[in-house]
Every structure is written in C-alpha cells, then in structure tokens.
Amino acid sequence: FRDPRDNETNKLVPVTRWVRMPQGVYHRSDDLDSFSVPSGTLPKLG
C-alpha cells in the first residue's frame, strides 16, 4: 500500500490485496517498523 497523493482523499491506498504465505510459513524480523493502520483503510485479512 502507499500514502495518498495530494489529490487523493484516502488515508492509505492499497496497491495489492493481501497475499498469504504457504501454510506454516512465517516471517521474523527485529528490523521492521510497527505501523498502526487507520480504521477501514486496508482490506480485511480473511
């Protein structure tokens, strides 16, 4: 997803849908930033 352009009113703009990893596959990282998603801006996961 991305930030909106100046002429866009969305808080966030989805670029892709949620893409699921194969069963049992997880990510792990201490380098990633935490991001609070504004309500209703991104599609549901399931």
All heavy atoms as atom14 arrays in JSON, in Angstrom:
{
  "sequence": "FRDPRDNETNKLVPVTRWVRMPQGVYHRSDDLDSFSVPSGTLPKLG",
  "atom14_mask": [
    [1, 1, 1, 1, 1, 1, 1, 1, 1, 1, 1, 0, 0, 0],
    [1, 1, 1, 1, 1, 1, 1, 1, 1, 1, 1, 0, 0, 0],
    [1, 1, 1, 1, 1, 1, 1, 1, 0, 0, 0, 0, 0, 0],
    [1, 1, 1, 1, 1, 1, 1, 0, 0, 0, 0, 0, 0, 0],
    [1, 1, 1, 1, 1, 1, 1, 1, 1, 1, 1, 0, 0, 0],
    [1, 1, 1, 1, 1, 1, 1, 1, 0, 0, 0, 0, 0, 0],
    [1, 1, 1, 1, 1, 1, 1, 1, 0, 0, 0, 0, 0, 0],
    [1, 1, 1, 1, 1, 1, 1, 1, 1, 0, 0, 0, 0, 0],
    [1, 1, 1, 1, 1, 1, 1, 0, 0, 0, 0, 0, 0, 0],
    [1, 1, 1, 1, 1, 1, 1, 1, 0, 0, 0, 0, 0, 0],
    [1, 1, 1, 1, 1, 1, 1, 1, 1, 0, 0, 0, 0, 0],
    [1, 1, 1, 1, 1, 1, 1, 1, 0, 0, 0, 0, 0, 0],
    [1, 1, 1, 1, 1, 1, 1, 0, 0, 0, 0, 0, 0, 0],
    [1, 1, 1, 1, 1, 1, 1, 0, 0, 0, 0, 0, 0, 0],
    [1, 1, 1, 1, 1, 1, 1, 0, 0, 0, 0, 0, 0, 0],
    [1, 1, 1, 1, 1, 1, 1, 0, 0, 0, 0, 0, 0, 0],
    [1, 1, 1, 1, 1, 1, 1, 1, 1, 1, 1, 0, 0, 0],
    [1, 1, 1, 1, 1, 1, 1, 1, 1, 1, 1, 1, 1, 1],
    [1, 1, 1, 1, 1, 1, 1, 0, 0, 0, 0, 0, 0, 0],
    [1, 1, 1, 1, 1, 1, 1, 1, 1, 1, 1, 0, 0, 0],
    [1, 1, 1, 1, 1, 1, 1, 1, 0, 0, 0, 0, 0, 0],
    [1, 1, 1, 1, 1, 1, 1, 0, 0, 0, 0, 0, 0, 0],
    [1, 1, 1, 1, 1, 1, 1, 1, 1, 0, 0, 0, 0, 0],
    [1, 1, 1, 1, 0, 0, 0, 0, 0, 0, 0, 0, 0, 0],
    [1, 1, 1, 1, 1, 1, 1, 0, 0, 0, 0, 0, 0, 0],
    [1, 1, 1, 1, 1, 1, 1, 1, 1, 1, 1, 1, 0, 0],
    [1, 1, 1, 1, 1, 1, 1, 1, 1, 1, 0, 0, 0, 0],
    [1, 1, 1, 1, 1, 1, 1, 1, 1, 1, 1, 0, 0, 0],
    [1, 1, 1, 1, 1, 1, 0, 0, 0, 0, 0, 0, 0, 0],
    [1, 1, 1, 1, 1, 1, 1, 1, 0, 0, 0, 0, 0, 0],
    [1, 1, 1, 1, 1, 1, 1, 1, 0, 0, 0, 0, 0, 0],
    [1, 1, 1, 1, 1, 1, 1, 1, 0, 0, 0, 0, 0, 0],
    [1, 1, 1, 1, 1, 1, 1, 1, 0, 0, 0, 0, 0, 0],
    [1, 1, 1, 1, 1, 1, 0, 0, 0, 0, 0, 0, 0, 0],
    [1, 1, 1, 1, 1, 1, 1, 1, 1, 1, 1, 0, 0, 0],
    [1, 1, 1, 1, 1, 1, 0, 0, 0, 0, 0, 0, 0, 0],
    [1, 1, 1, 1, 1, 1, 1, 0, 0, 0, 0, 0, 0, 0],
    [1, 1, 1, 1, 1, 1, 1, 0, 0, 0, 0, 0, 0, 0],
    [1, 1, 1, 1, 1, 1, 0, 0, 0, 0, 0, 0, 0, 0],
    [1, 1, 1, 1, 0, 0, 0, 0, 0, 0, 0, 0, 0, 0],
    [1, 1, 1, 1, 1, 1, 1, 0, 0, 0, 0, 0, 0, 0],
    [1, 1, 1, 1, 1, 1, 1, 1, 0, 0, 0, 0, 0, 0],
    [1, 1, 1, 1, 1, 1, 1, 0, 0, 0, 0, 0, 0, 0],
    [1, 1, 1, 1, 1, 1, 1, 1, 1, 0, 0, 0, 0, 0],
    [1, 1, 1, 1, 1, 1, 1, 1, 0, 0, 0, 0, 0, 0],
    [1, 1, 1, 1, 0, 0, 0, 0, 0, 0, 0, 0, 0, 0]
  ],
  "atom14_positions": [
    [[0.86, -1.18, 0.0], [0.0, 0.0, 0.0], [0.9, 1.24, 0.0], [2.12, 1.14, 0.17], [-0.95, 0.0, 1.2], [-0.26, -0.04, 2.54], [-0.01, 1.12, 3.25], [0.13, -1.25, 3.11], [0.61, 1.09, 4.49], [0.76, -1.3, 4.34], [1.01, -0.13, 5.03], [0.0, 0.0, 0.0], [0.0, 0.0, 0.0], [0.0, 0.0, 0.0]],
    [[0.31, 2.38, -0.21], [1.1, 3.62, -0.27], [0.34, 4.77, 0.38], [-0.86, 4.69, 0.64], [1.43, 3.97, -1.73], [0.23, 4.25, -2.61], [0.65, 4.75, -3.97], [-0.46, 4.92, -4.9], [-1.27, 5.96, -4.95], [-1.11, 6.97, -4.08], [-2.23, 6.03, -5.83], [0.0, 0.0, 0.0], [0.0, 0.0, 0.0], [0.0, 0.0, 0.0]],
    [[1.07, 5.84, 0.61], [0.44, 7.08, 1.07], [-0.36, 7.7, -0.07], [-0.07, 7.46, -1.25], [1.51, 8.07, 1.55], [2.12, 7.67, 2.88], [1.52, 6.83, 3.58], [3.21, 8.19, 3.21], [0.0, 0.0, 0.0], [0.0, 0.0, 0.0], [0.0, 0.0, 0.0], [0.0, 0.0, 0.0], [0.0, 0.0, 0.0], [0.0, 0.0, 0.0]],
    [[-1.35, 8.52, 0.25], [-2.11, 9.19, -0.82], [-1.32, 10.33, -1.43], [-0.47, 10.94, -0.79], [-3.35, 9.71, -0.09], [-2.89, 9.9, 1.33], [-1.89, 8.81, 1.59], [0.0, 0.0, 0.0], [0.0, 0.0, 0.0], [0.0, 0.0, 0.0], [0.0, 0.0, 0.0], [0.0, 0.0, 0.0], [0.0, 0.0, 0.0], [0.0, 0.0, 0.0]],
    [[-1.61, 10.6, -2.7], [-1.09, 11.81, -3.33], [-1.9, 13.01, -2.82], [-2.92, 12.86, -2.14], [-1.2, 11.71, -4.85], [-0.39, 10.59, -5.49], [-0.45, 10.73, -6.99], [0.25, 9.66, -7.68], [-0.36, 8.59, -8.21], [-1.67, 8.45, -8.1], [0.34, 7.67, -8.85], [0.0, 0.0, 0.0], [0.0, 0.0, 0.0], [0.0, 0.0, 0.0]],
    [[-1.46, 14.2, -3.18], [-2.13, 15.42, -2.71], [-3.58, 15.5, -3.16], [-4.42, 16.09, -2.47], [-1.37, 16.66, -3.21], [-0.01, 16.8, -2.54], [0.18, 16.22, -1.45], [0.87, 17.48, -3.12], [0.0, 0.0, 0.0], [0.0, 0.0, 0.0], [0.0, 0.0, 0.0], [0.0, 0.0, 0.0], [0.0, 0.0, 0.0], [0.0, 0.0, 0.0]],
    [[-3.89, 14.92, -4.33], [-5.26, 14.99, -4.86], [-6.12, 13.81, -4.46], [-7.23, 13.65, -4.95], [-5.23, 15.11, -6.39], [-4.59, 13.89, -7.04], [-3.91, 13.11, -6.38], [-4.8, 13.73, -8.34], [0.0, 0.0, 0.0], [0.0, 0.0, 0.0], [0.0, 0.0, 0.0], [0.0, 0.0, 0.0], [0.0, 0.0, 0.0], [0.0, 0.0, 0.0]],
    [[-5.63, 12.97, -3.55], [-6.37, 11.8, -3.11], [-6.83, 11.99, -1.67], [-6.07, 12.51, -0.83], [-5.52, 10.53, -3.23], [-5.19, 10.17, -4.67], [-4.22, 9.0, -4.77], [-3.33, 8.88, -3.91], [-4.35, 8.2, -5.72], [0.0, 0.0, 0.0], [0.0, 0.0, 0.0], [0.0, 0.0, 0.0], [0.0, 0.0, 0.0], [0.0, 0.0, 0.0]],
    [[-8.02, 11.54, -1.38], [-8.58, 11.73, -0.04], [-8.37, 10.52, 0.86], [-8.61, 10.6, 2.06], [-10.09, 12.02, -0.14], [-10.74, 10.93, -0.81], [-10.34, 13.31, -0.91], [0.0, 0.0, 0.0], [0.0, 0.0, 0.0], [0.0, 0.0, 0.0], [0.0, 0.0, 0.0], [0.0, 0.0, 0.0], [0.0, 0.0, 0.0], [0.0, 0.0, 0.0]],
    [[-7.94, 9.39, 0.28], [-7.72, 8.19, 1.09], [-6.61, 8.42, 2.11], [-5.65, 9.15, 1.85], [-7.31, 7.01, 0.2], [-8.19, 6.86, -1.02], [-8.32, 7.78, -1.8], [-8.79, 5.7, -1.18], [0.0, 0.0, 0.0], [0.0, 0.0, 0.0], [0.0, 0.0, 0.0], [0.0, 0.0, 0.0], [0.0, 0.0, 0.0], [0.0, 0.0, 0.0]],
    [[-6.75, 7.79, 3.26], [-5.66, 7.83, 4.23], [-4.52, 6.93, 3.8], [-3.34, 7.24, 3.99], [-6.18, 7.42, 5.61], [-7.16, 8.41, 6.22], [-7.61, 7.95, 7.59], [-8.59, 8.95, 8.21], [-9.06, 8.51, 9.55], [0.0, 0.0, 0.0], [0.0, 0.0, 0.0], [0.0, 0.0, 0.0], [0.0, 0.0, 0.0], [0.0, 0.0, 0.0]],
    [[-4.86, 5.76, 3.22], [-3.89, 4.85, 2.64], [-4.49, 4.3, 1.35], [-5.7, 4.15, 1.24], [-3.56, 3.68, 3.58], [-2.83, 4.02, 4.88], [-2.73, 2.77, 5.76], [-1.44, 4.58, 4.61], [0.0, 0.0, 0.0], [0.0, 0.0, 0.0], [0.0, 0.0, 0.0], [0.0, 0.0, 0.0], [0.0, 0.0, 0.0], [0.0, 0.0, 0.0]],
    [[-3.63, 3.98, 0.39], [-4.1, 3.47, -0.9], [-3.57, 2.05, -1.09], [-2.35, 1.87, -1.26], [-3.64, 4.38, -2.06], [-4.12, 3.82, -3.39], [-4.11, 5.8, -1.85], [0.0, 0.0, 0.0], [0.0, 0.0, 0.0], [0.0, 0.0, 0.0], [0.0, 0.0, 0.0], [0.0, 0.0, 0.0], [0.0, 0.0, 0.0], [0.0, 0.0, 0.0]],
    [[-4.44, 1.04, -1.05], [-3.97, -0.32, -1.3], [-3.47, -0.47, -2.74], [-4.1, 0.0, -3.68], [-5.22, -1.19, -1.07], [-6.13, -0.34, -0.24], [-5.86, 1.08, -0.67], [0.0, 0.0, 0.0], [0.0, 0.0, 0.0], [0.0, 0.0, 0.0], [0.0, 0.0, 0.0], [0.0, 0.0, 0.0], [0.0, 0.0, 0.0], [0.0, 0.0, 0.0]],
    [[-2.32, -1.11, -2.9], [-1.77, -1.38, -4.23], [-2.04, -2.83, -4.63], [-2.3, -3.13, -5.79], [-0.25, -1.08, -4.26], [0.36, -1.46, -5.61], [0.0, 0.39, -3.95], [0.0, 0.0, 0.0], [0.0, 0.0, 0.0], [0.0, 0.0, 0.0], [0.0, 0.0, 0.0], [0.0, 0.0, 0.0], [0.0, 0.0, 0.0], [0.0, 0.0, 0.0]],
    [[-1.98, -3.74, -3.66], [-2.29, -5.14, -3.89], [-3.28, -5.6, -2.82], [-3.54, -4.89, -1.83], [-1.04, -6.03, -3.8], [-0.58, -6.08, -2.43], [0.08, -5.5, -4.69], [0.0, 0.0, 0.0], [0.0, 0.0, 0.0], [0.0, 0.0, 0.0], [0.0, 0.0, 0.0], [0.0, 0.0, 0.0], [0.0, 0.0, 0.0], [0.0, 0.0, 0.0]],
    [[-3.83, -6.74, -3.01], [-4.63, -7.39, -1.97], [-3.67, -8.07, -0.99], [-2.46, -8.12, -1.21], [-5.56, -8.44, -2.6], [-4.81, -9.53, -3.36], [-5.75, -10.54, -3.97], [-5.03, -11.53, -4.75], [-4.45, -12.62, -4.25], [-4.48, -12.85, -2.93], [-3.82, -13.47, -5.03], [0.0, 0.0, 0.0], [0.0, 0.0, 0.0], [0.0, 0.0, 0.0]],
    [[-4.21, -8.61, 0.1], [-3.4, -9.45, 0.99], [-3.0, -10.72, 0.24], [-3.84, -11.36, -0.39], [-4.18, -9.83, 2.24], [-4.26, -8.73, 3.25], [-5.36, -7.97, 3.55], [-3.21, -8.27, 4.1], [-5.06, -7.05, 4.52], [-3.74, -7.22, 4.89], [-1.87, -8.62, 4.27], [-2.99, -6.53, 5.82], [-1.11, -7.94, 5.2], [-1.66, -6.9, 5.97]],
    [[-1.74, -11.07, 0.3], [-1.25, -12.31, -0.31], [-0.75, -13.21, 0.82], [0.14, -12.81, 1.59], [-0.13, -12.04, -1.32], [0.33, -13.35, -1.96], [-0.61, -11.07, -2.4], [0.0, 0.0, 0.0], [0.0, 0.0, 0.0], [0.0, 0.0, 0.0], [0.0, 0.0, 0.0], [0.0, 0.0, 0.0], [0.0, 0.0, 0.0], [0.0, 0.0, 0.0]],
    [[-1.32, -14.38, 0.91], [-1.0, -15.3, 2.0], [0.23, -16.13, 1.67], [0.38, -16.6, 0.55], [-2.19, -16.2, 2.3], [-3.41, -15.47, 2.83], [-4.6, -16.41, 2.93], [-5.73, -15.8, 3.6], [-6.61, -15.0, 3.01], [-6.46, -14.74, 1.72], [-7.61, -14.49, 3.68], [0.0, 0.0, 0.0], [0.0, 0.0, 0.0], [0.0, 0.0, 0.0]],
    [[1.1, -16.32, 2.68], [2.2, -17.25, 2.55], [1.66, -18.68, 2.53], [0.53, -18.93, 2.97], [3.17, -17.09, 3.72], [3.74, -15.69, 3.89], [4.95, -15.3, 2.63], [5.43, -13.65, 3.16], [0.0, 0.0, 0.0], [0.0, 0.0, 0.0], [0.0, 0.0, 0.0], [0.0, 0.0, 0.0], [0.0, 0.0, 0.0], [0.0, 0.0, 0.0]],
    [[2.44, -19.64, 2.04], [2.01, -21.03, 2.15], [1.82, -21.44, 3.61], [2.35, -20.81, 4.53], [3.18, -21.8, 1.51], [3.8, -20.82, 0.57], [3.67, -19.49, 1.26], [0.0, 0.0, 0.0], [0.0, 0.0, 0.0], [0.0, 0.0, 0.0], [0.0, 0.0, 0.0], [0.0, 0.0, 0.0], [0.0, 0.0, 0.0], [0.0, 0.0, 0.0]],
    [[1.06, -22.48, 3.81], [0.73, -22.94, 5.15], [1.98, -23.2, 5.97], [2.93, -23.84, 5.53], [-0.09, -24.24, 5.06], [-0.69, -24.7, 6.38], [-1.81, -23.78, 6.85], [-2.46, -23.14, 6.04], [-2.04, -23.74, 8.13], [0.0, 0.0, 0.0], [0.0, 0.0, 0.0], [0.0, 0.0, 0.0], [0.0, 0.0, 0.0], [0.0, 0.0, 0.0]],
    [[2.01, -22.66, 7.19], [3.12, -22.89, 8.11], [4.33, -22.01, 7.89], [5.33, -22.17, 8.6], [0.0, 0.0, 0.0], [0.0, 0.0, 0.0], [0.0, 0.0, 0.0], [0.0, 0.0, 0.0], [0.0, 0.0, 0.0], [0.0, 0.0, 0.0], [0.0, 0.0, 0.0], [0.0, 0.0, 0.0], [0.0, 0.0, 0.0], [0.0, 0.0, 0.0]],
    [[4.27, -21.08, 6.93], [5.41, -20.21, 6.65], [5.18, -18.85, 7.31], [4.15, -18.21, 7.08], [5.61, -20.04, 5.13], [6.72, -19.03, 4.85], [5.94, -21.38, 4.49], [0.0, 0.0, 0.0], [0.0, 0.0, 0.0], [0.0, 0.0, 0.0], [0.0, 0.0, 0.0], [0.0, 0.0, 0.0], [0.0, 0.0, 0.0], [0.0, 0.0, 0.0]],
    [[6.15, -18.43, 8.12], [6.05, -17.17, 8.87], [7.3, -16.33, 8.63], [8.36, -16.84, 8.27], [5.92, -17.45, 10.37], [4.68, -18.21, 10.76], [4.72, -19.6, 10.9], [3.48, -17.56, 11.02], [3.59, -20.31, 11.27], [2.35, -18.25, 11.39], [2.41, -19.62, 11.52], [1.29, -20.32, 11.89], [0.0, 0.0, 0.0], [0.0, 0.0, 0.0]],
    [[7.16, -15.02, 8.89], [8.3, -14.12, 8.83], [8.77, -13.8, 10.25], [8.02, -13.94, 11.21], [7.93, -12.82, 8.1], [7.06, -11.91, 8.9], [5.69, -12.12, 9.06], [7.34, -10.79, 9.62], [5.18, -11.17, 9.81], [6.17, -10.35, 10.18], [0.0, 0.0, 0.0], [0.0, 0.0, 0.0], [0.0, 0.0, 0.0], [0.0, 0.0, 0.0]],
    [[10.02, -13.34, 10.33], [10.57, -12.93, 11.62], [11.6, -11.84, 11.36], [12.46, -11.98, 10.49], [11.23, -14.12, 12.33], [11.97, -13.75, 13.62], [12.71, -14.95, 14.16], [11.8, -15.97, 14.65], [12.16, -17.22, 14.94], [13.4, -17.6, 14.74], [11.28, -18.07, 15.42], [0.0, 0.0, 0.0], [0.0, 0.0, 0.0], [0.0, 0.0, 0.0]],
    [[11.51, -10.73, 12.1], [12.48, -9.65, 11.93], [12.41, -8.69, 13.1], [11.33, -8.37, 13.58], [12.21, -8.89, 10.63], [13.13, -7.82, 10.49], [0.0, 0.0, 0.0], [0.0, 0.0, 0.0], [0.0, 0.0, 0.0], [0.0, 0.0, 0.0], [0.0, 0.0, 0.0], [0.0, 0.0, 0.0], [0.0, 0.0, 0.0], [0.0, 0.0, 0.0]],
    [[13.58, -8.24, 13.53], [13.67, -7.19, 14.54], [13.88, -5.83, 13.89], [13.91, -4.8, 14.59], [14.83, -7.47, 15.5], [14.61, -8.74, 16.31], [13.43, -9.06, 16.61], [15.6, -9.43, 16.62], [0.0, 0.0, 0.0], [0.0, 0.0, 0.0], [0.0, 0.0, 0.0], [0.0, 0.0, 0.0], [0.0, 0.0, 0.0], [0.0, 0.0, 0.0]],
    [[14.04, -5.82, 12.55], [14.36, -4.58, 11.85], [13.14, -3.83, 11.33], [13.26, -2.7, 10.85], [15.29, -4.86, 10.66], [16.69, -5.26, 11.11], [17.03, -4.99, 12.27], [17.43, -5.83, 10.29], [0.0, 0.0, 0.0], [0.0, 0.0, 0.0], [0.0, 0.0, 0.0], [0.0, 0.0, 0.0], [0.0, 0.0, 0.0], [0.0, 0.0, 0.0]],
    [[11.97, -4.46, 11.37], [10.8, -3.84, 10.77], [10.14, -2.85, 11.73], [10.15, -3.03, 12.94], [9.78, -4.9, 10.35], [10.29, -5.97, 9.38], [9.14, -6.83, 8.9], [11.02, -5.33, 8.2], [0.0, 0.0, 0.0], [0.0, 0.0, 0.0], [0.0, 0.0, 0.0], [0.0, 0.0, 0.0], [0.0, 0.0, 0.0], [0.0, 0.0, 0.0]],
    [[9.54, -1.82, 11.15], [8.84, -0.81, 11.95], [7.4, -1.24, 12.16], [6.76, -1.82, 11.29], [8.88, 0.54, 11.22], [10.3, 1.04, 11.01], [11.13, 0.86, 11.92], [10.57, 1.6, 9.93], [0.0, 0.0, 0.0], [0.0, 0.0, 0.0], [0.0, 0.0, 0.0], [0.0, 0.0, 0.0], [0.0, 0.0, 0.0], [0.0, 0.0, 0.0]],
    [[6.88, -0.91, 13.33], [5.47, -1.15, 13.61], [4.64, -0.03, 13.02], [5.03, 1.14, 13.06], [5.25, -1.24, 15.12], [3.9, -1.49, 15.42], [0.0, 0.0, 0.0], [0.0, 0.0, 0.0], [0.0, 0.0, 0.0], [0.0, 0.0, 0.0], [0.0, 0.0, 0.0], [0.0, 0.0, 0.0], [0.0, 0.0, 0.0], [0.0, 0.0, 0.0]],
    [[3.49, -0.38, 12.47], [2.65, 0.59, 11.78], [1.21, 0.4, 12.22], [0.65, -0.7, 12.11], [2.77, 0.39, 10.26], [2.07, 1.41, 9.43], [2.72, 2.55, 9.01], [0.74, 1.23, 9.05], [2.08, 3.51, 8.22], [0.09, 2.17, 8.28], [0.76, 3.31, 7.86], [0.0, 0.0, 0.0], [0.0, 0.0, 0.0], [0.0, 0.0, 0.0]],
    [[0.61, 1.46, 12.73], [-0.8, 1.42, 13.14], [-1.68, 1.76, 11.94], [-1.53, 2.82, 11.34], [-1.06, 2.41, 14.28], [-0.34, 2.04, 15.44], [0.0, 0.0, 0.0], [0.0, 0.0, 0.0], [0.0, 0.0, 0.0], [0.0, 0.0, 0.0], [0.0, 0.0, 0.0], [0.0, 0.0, 0.0], [0.0, 0.0, 0.0], [0.0, 0.0, 0.0]],
    [[-2.58, 0.86, 11.61], [-3.43, 1.02, 10.43], [-4.68, 1.8, 10.8], [-5.45, 1.37, 11.67], [-3.82, -0.36, 9.85], [-4.71, -0.2, 8.62], [-2.57, -1.17, 9.52], [0.0, 0.0, 0.0], [0.0, 0.0, 0.0], [0.0, 0.0, 0.0], [0.0, 0.0, 0.0], [0.0, 0.0, 0.0], [0.0, 0.0, 0.0], [0.0, 0.0, 0.0]],
    [[-4.93, 2.96, 10.18], [-6.19, 3.67, 10.44], [-7.39, 2.8, 10.1], [-7.37, 2.03, 9.14], [-6.1, 4.88, 9.49], [-4.64, 5.06, 9.23], [-4.05, 3.68, 9.24], [0.0, 0.0, 0.0], [0.0, 0.0, 0.0], [0.0, 0.0, 0.0], [0.0, 0.0, 0.0], [0.0, 0.0, 0.0], [0.0, 0.0, 0.0], [0.0, 0.0, 0.0]],
    [[-8.42, 2.9, 10.89], [-9.59, 2.04, 10.75], [-10.19, 2.14, 9.35], [-10.43, 3.24, 8.84], [-10.64, 2.42, 11.8], [-11.8, 1.64, 11.64], [0.0, 0.0, 0.0], [0.0, 0.0, 0.0], [0.0, 0.0, 0.0], [0.0, 0.0, 0.0], [0.0, 0.0, 0.0], [0.0, 0.0, 0.0], [0.0, 0.0, 0.0], [0.0, 0.0, 0.0]],
    [[-10.44, 0.97, 8.75], [-11.14, 0.9, 7.48], [-10.33, 1.28, 6.26], [-10.89, 1.41, 5.16], [0.0, 0.0, 0.0], [0.0, 0.0, 0.0], [0.0, 0.0, 0.0], [0.0, 0.0, 0.0], [0.0, 0.0, 0.0], [0.0, 0.0, 0.0], [0.0, 0.0, 0.0], [0.0, 0.0, 0.0], [0.0, 0.0, 0.0], [0.0, 0.0, 0.0]],
    [[-9.0, 1.44, 6.4], [-8.2, 1.89, 5.25], [-7.64, 0.74, 4.44], [-7.38, 0.9, 3.24], [-7.05, 2.77, 5.72], [-6.26, 2.06, 6.68], [-7.57, 4.06, 6.33], [0.0, 0.0, 0.0], [0.0, 0.0, 0.0], [0.0, 0.0, 0.0], [0.0, 0.0, 0.0], [0.0, 0.0, 0.0], [0.0, 0.0, 0.0], [0.0, 0.0, 0.0]],
    [[-7.42, -0.4, 5.05], [-6.89, -1.56, 4.33], [-7.91, -2.69, 4.33], [-8.73, -2.8, 5.24], [-5.58, -2.05, 4.98], [-4.38, -1.1, 4.9], [-3.15, -1.76, 5.52], [-4.08, -0.68, 3.46], [0.0, 0.0, 0.0], [0.0, 0.0, 0.0], [0.0, 0.0, 0.0], [0.0, 0.0, 0.0], [0.0, 0.0, 0.0], [0.0, 0.0, 0.0]],
    [[-7.88, -3.55, 3.3], [-8.82, -4.67, 3.25], [-8.65, -5.61, 4.45], [-7.58, -5.68, 5.07], [-8.43, -5.39, 1.95], [-7.68, -4.39, 1.15], [-6.98, -3.51, 2.13], [0.0, 0.0, 0.0], [0.0, 0.0, 0.0], [0.0, 0.0, 0.0], [0.0, 0.0, 0.0], [0.0, 0.0, 0.0], [0.0, 0.0, 0.0], [0.0, 0.0, 0.0]],
    [[-9.73, -6.31, 4.77], [-9.67, -7.31, 5.83], [-8.76, -8.46, 5.41], [-8.63, -8.77, 4.22], [-11.06, -7.84, 6.15], [-11.97, -6.84, 6.84], [-13.31, -7.49, 7.18], [-14.22, -6.54, 7.93], [-15.51, -7.18, 8.29], [0.0, 0.0, 0.0], [0.0, 0.0, 0.0], [0.0, 0.0, 0.0], [0.0, 0.0, 0.0], [0.0, 0.0, 0.0]],
    [[-8.17, -9.09, 6.4], [-7.42, -10.32, 6.18], [-8.32, -11.46, 6.61], [-8.5, -11.71, 7.8], [-6.12, -10.32, 6.97], [-5.24, -11.56, 6.84], [-4.88, -11.84, 5.38], [-3.97, -11.42, 7.68], [0.0, 0.0, 0.0], [0.0, 0.0, 0.0], [0.0, 0.0, 0.0], [0.0, 0.0, 0.0], [0.0, 0.0, 0.0], [0.0, 0.0, 0.0]],
    [[-8.92, -12.14, 5.64], [-9.96, -13.11, 5.97], [-11.18, -12.37, 6.46], [-11.76, -11.55, 5.74], [0.0, 0.0, 0.0], [0.0, 0.0, 0.0], [0.0, 0.0, 0.0], [0.0, 0.0, 0.0], [0.0, 0.0, 0.0], [0.0, 0.0, 0.0], [0.0, 0.0, 0.0], [0.0, 0.0, 0.0], [0.0, 0.0, 0.0], [0.0, 0.0, 0.0]]
  ]
}
